[in-house]
Protein backbone atom coordinates (compact mmCIF):
# COMPACT_ATOMS: atom_id res chain seq x y z
CA UNK A 1 -8.59 -47.22 15.41
CA UNK A 2 -6.63 -44.01 15.98
CA UNK A 3 -9.15 -41.49 14.55
CA UNK A 4 -9.37 -38.48 16.89
CA UNK A 5 -12.64 -37.30 15.31
CA UNK A 6 -14.26 -40.62 16.02
CA UNK A 7 -13.34 -40.09 19.67
CA UNK A 8 -14.87 -36.61 19.64
CA UNK A 9 -11.51 -34.90 20.14
CA UNK A 10 -10.22 -31.95 18.15
CA UNK A 11 -7.31 -32.58 15.84
CA UNK A 12 -5.91 -29.13 16.63
CA UNK A 13 -5.82 -25.88 14.68
CA UNK A 14 -6.42 -25.93 10.98
CA UNK A 15 -3.89 -24.21 8.75
CA UNK A 16 -5.54 -21.67 6.51
CA UNK A 17 -3.80 -20.04 3.58
CA UNK A 18 -4.42 -16.31 3.61
CA UNK A 19 -4.51 -14.71 0.20
CA UNK A 20 -5.36 -11.12 -0.71
CA UNK A 21 -9.06 -10.52 -1.20
CA UNK A 22 -8.63 -8.65 -4.48
CA UNK A 23 -11.20 -7.62 -7.06
CA UNK A 24 -14.10 -9.63 -5.62
CA UNK A 25 -14.13 -7.34 -2.57
CA UNK A 26 -15.25 -4.38 -4.69
CA UNK A 27 -18.79 -5.78 -4.38
CA UNK A 28 -18.71 -5.83 -0.56
CA UNK A 29 -19.73 -2.66 1.28
CA UNK A 30 -18.64 -2.82 4.93
CA UNK A 31 -20.90 -0.74 7.21
CA UNK A 32 -20.39 -0.44 10.96
CA UNK A 33 -21.70 1.86 13.67
CA UNK A 34 -20.01 3.44 16.68
CA UNK A 35 -20.54 6.11 19.24
CA UNK A 36 -18.21 9.08 19.51
CA UNK A 37 -15.95 7.75 22.27
CA UNK A 38 -12.19 7.77 21.84
CA UNK A 39 -12.10 4.00 22.35
CA UNK A 40 -14.47 3.28 19.47
CA UNK A 41 -12.74 5.90 17.35
CA UNK A 42 -9.36 4.19 17.45
CA UNK A 43 -11.03 0.81 16.88
CA UNK A 44 -12.69 2.27 13.79
CA UNK A 45 -9.38 3.55 12.45
CA UNK A 46 -7.82 0.14 13.09
CA UNK A 47 -10.70 -1.60 11.26
CA UNK A 48 -10.34 0.74 8.30
CA UNK A 49 -6.59 0.11 8.00
CA UNK A 50 -7.06 -3.65 8.51
CA UNK A 51 -9.57 -3.84 5.69
CA UNK A 52 -7.26 -1.94 3.35
CA UNK A 53 -4.23 -3.99 4.39
CA UNK A 54 -6.13 -7.23 3.73
CA UNK A 55 -6.82 -6.06 0.18
CA UNK A 56 -10.46 -5.05 0.59
CA UNK A 57 -11.31 -2.72 -2.31
CA UNK A 58 -14.98 -2.02 -1.61
CA UNK A 59 -16.45 0.92 0.25
CA UNK A 60 -16.28 1.24 4.04
CA UNK A 61 -18.88 3.31 5.89
CA UNK A 62 -18.76 4.26 9.54
CA UNK A 63 -22.03 5.47 11.07
CA UNK A 64 -21.22 7.58 14.13
CA UNK A 65 -23.82 8.74 16.63
CA UNK A 66 -23.82 10.95 19.67
CA UNK A 67 -21.11 13.36 18.53
CA UNK A 68 -20.95 17.04 19.19
CA UNK A 69 -20.43 19.26 16.15
CA UNK A 70 -16.68 19.72 16.76
CA UNK A 71 -16.15 15.98 17.30
CA UNK A 72 -18.03 15.18 14.09
CA UNK A 73 -15.90 17.59 12.07
CA UNK A 74 -12.68 16.20 13.56
CA UNK A 75 -13.71 12.65 12.62
CA UNK A 76 -14.62 13.73 9.08
CA UNK A 77 -11.27 15.49 8.61
CA UNK A 78 -9.33 12.49 9.87
CA UNK A 79 -11.12 10.02 7.58
CA UNK A 80 -10.70 12.37 4.61
CA UNK A 81 -6.95 12.46 5.27
CA UNK A 82 -6.60 8.66 5.30
CA UNK A 83 -8.89 7.76 2.40
C-alpha cells in the first residue's frame, strides 16, 4: 500500500485558497499590546496594514505601555493619519 499517512509521513504542504475576509470580520475586534520601542512600533504598523490588506473590516486596538508623553502623542498622530 502506498499511503504516506499510514506510514506516518507528511504528504507535503497543503494548498489553501486565500479569499478576502469580508463582512464577517466586522465582528472581530483585534487587540494587541506593545511597549514603546521602535521595533514594536514598526511591527504594529505592519500588523495594522496587513489586517486591512487582508480585508479585515473590524476594529483594531493597540495598547501601548511605557511611553513618554511625546512618544505617546507621536504614536497617536501617526495612527490617526493612517486610519
